[in-house]
Amino acid sequence: MTKSPMKITHDEVRKVAKLARLELSEDEEIAFAGDLDRILTYVDMLSELDTAAIEPTAHVADIPSPFRTDHVTSRPDTAALLEGAPSRDADYFKVPKIIE
């Protein structure tokens, strides 16, 4: 059985560690490279599965969406809101121009 090349190099481990602001010893880099290689190899196995008959899902359980549709339940009274405005133009606040 031939050993396939590692899916992640020590340089890539160092780069990821630097981005994560981790200081790793040489032994830790070697250990992480091995761990990450095994993880990536396992994930590659998933691409071998035939999922053609599987419907895409966002959740494994059949649960209703936690999101509701937006419906306006109350509208502000425009006249009351504009009552205290120092300056207005019809139904809008009038403010000084700040961009030329």
Protein backbone atom coordinates (compact mmCIF):
# COMPACT_ATOMS: atom_id res chain seq x y z
CA MET A 1 0.00 0.00 0.00
CA THR A 2 1.52 3.29 -1.13
CA LYS A 3 1.17 6.31 1.09
CA SER A 4 -0.55 9.14 -0.78
CA PRO A 5 0.97 12.62 -0.48
CA MET A 6 -0.27 14.73 2.39
CA LYS A 7 -3.18 17.00 1.57
CA ILE A 8 -1.70 19.79 3.69
CA THR A 9 1.90 20.90 3.92
CA HIS A 10 3.84 22.11 6.93
CA ASP A 11 4.01 25.56 5.30
CA GLU A 12 0.20 25.61 5.09
CA VAL A 13 -0.02 24.61 8.76
CA ARG A 14 2.35 27.47 9.66
CA LYS A 15 0.28 29.91 7.58
CA VAL A 16 -3.00 28.84 9.23
CA ALA A 17 -1.37 28.98 12.66
CA LYS A 18 -0.12 32.50 11.95
CA LEU A 19 -3.60 33.60 10.79
CA ALA A 20 -5.07 32.09 13.98
CA ARG A 21 -2.30 33.77 15.99
CA LEU A 22 -1.06 30.43 17.32
CA GLU A 23 2.55 29.82 18.22
CA LEU A 24 3.28 26.19 17.43
CA SER A 25 6.44 24.23 18.10
CA GLU A 26 7.89 22.06 15.34
CA ASP A 27 6.39 18.97 16.99
CA GLU A 28 2.97 20.63 17.16
CA GLU A 29 3.18 21.63 13.49
CA ILE A 30 3.92 18.01 12.56
CA ALA A 31 1.07 16.75 14.76
CA PHE A 32 -1.39 19.31 13.35
CA ALA A 33 -0.33 18.52 9.78
CA GLY A 34 -1.06 14.84 10.42
CA ASP A 35 -4.40 15.58 12.11
CA LEU A 36 -5.51 17.95 9.35
CA ASP A 37 -4.40 15.48 6.69
CA ARG A 38 -6.55 12.75 8.25
CA ILE A 39 -9.53 15.14 8.46
CA LEU A 40 -9.16 16.21 4.82
CA THR A 41 -8.77 12.59 3.70
CA TYR A 42 -11.97 11.68 5.54
CA VAL A 43 -13.84 14.63 3.99
CA ASP A 44 -12.63 13.50 0.55
CA MET A 45 -14.37 10.17 1.17
CA LEU A 46 -17.68 12.04 1.26
CA SER A 47 -17.25 13.04 -2.38
CA GLU A 48 -17.40 9.35 -3.31
CA LEU A 49 -20.99 9.05 -2.05
CA ASP A 50 -23.78 9.02 -4.63
CA THR A 51 -26.12 11.81 -3.53
CA ALA A 52 -28.05 12.17 -6.80
CA ALA A 53 -31.28 10.89 -5.22
CA ILE A 54 -30.88 12.95 -2.04
CA GLU A 55 -32.90 16.15 -1.83
CA PRO A 56 -30.90 19.15 -0.59
CA THR A 57 -31.74 20.06 2.98
CA ALA A 58 -30.91 22.85 5.35
CA HIS A 59 -31.71 20.79 8.43
CA VAL A 60 -31.94 17.07 9.05
CA ALA A 61 -35.18 17.34 11.02
CA ASP A 62 -38.41 18.45 9.38
CA ILE A 63 -38.99 21.59 11.43
CA PRO A 64 -40.82 24.77 10.45
CA SER A 65 -38.81 27.87 9.61
CA PRO A 66 -38.14 30.05 12.65
CA PHE A 67 -38.46 33.12 10.44
CA ARG A 68 -41.76 34.88 10.02
CA THR A 69 -42.94 37.02 7.15
CA ASP A 70 -42.78 40.74 7.73
CA HIS A 71 -46.11 42.49 8.05
CA VAL A 72 -46.53 46.12 9.02
CA THR A 73 -48.54 46.11 12.22
CA SER A 74 -48.45 49.81 13.00
CA ARG A 75 -47.56 52.89 11.03
CA PRO A 76 -46.08 55.96 12.66
CA ASP A 77 -48.05 59.18 12.53
CA THR A 78 -45.99 61.24 10.07
CA ALA A 79 -47.47 64.56 11.17
CA ALA A 80 -46.69 63.85 14.83
CA LEU A 81 -43.13 62.81 13.99
CA LEU A 82 -42.51 65.97 11.95
CA GLU A 83 -44.15 68.26 14.52
CA GLY A 84 -40.88 68.96 16.34
CA ALA A 85 -38.68 69.15 13.25
CA PRO A 86 -36.82 72.45 12.94
CA SER A 87 -37.30 72.36 9.17
CA ARG A 88 -39.35 70.15 6.87
CA ASP A 89 -40.31 69.75 3.26
CA ALA A 90 -43.74 68.14 2.92
CA ASP A 91 -43.47 64.77 4.72
CA TYR A 92 -39.67 64.82 5.06
CA PHE A 93 -37.11 66.26 7.48
CA LYS A 94 -35.10 69.03 5.87
CA VAL A 95 -31.42 68.97 6.85
CA PRO A 96 -28.44 71.06 5.82
CA LYS A 97 -26.45 69.80 2.82
CA ILE A 98 -23.19 68.28 4.02
CA ILE A 99 -21.78 66.78 0.81
CA GLU A 100 -20.73 69.00 -2.05
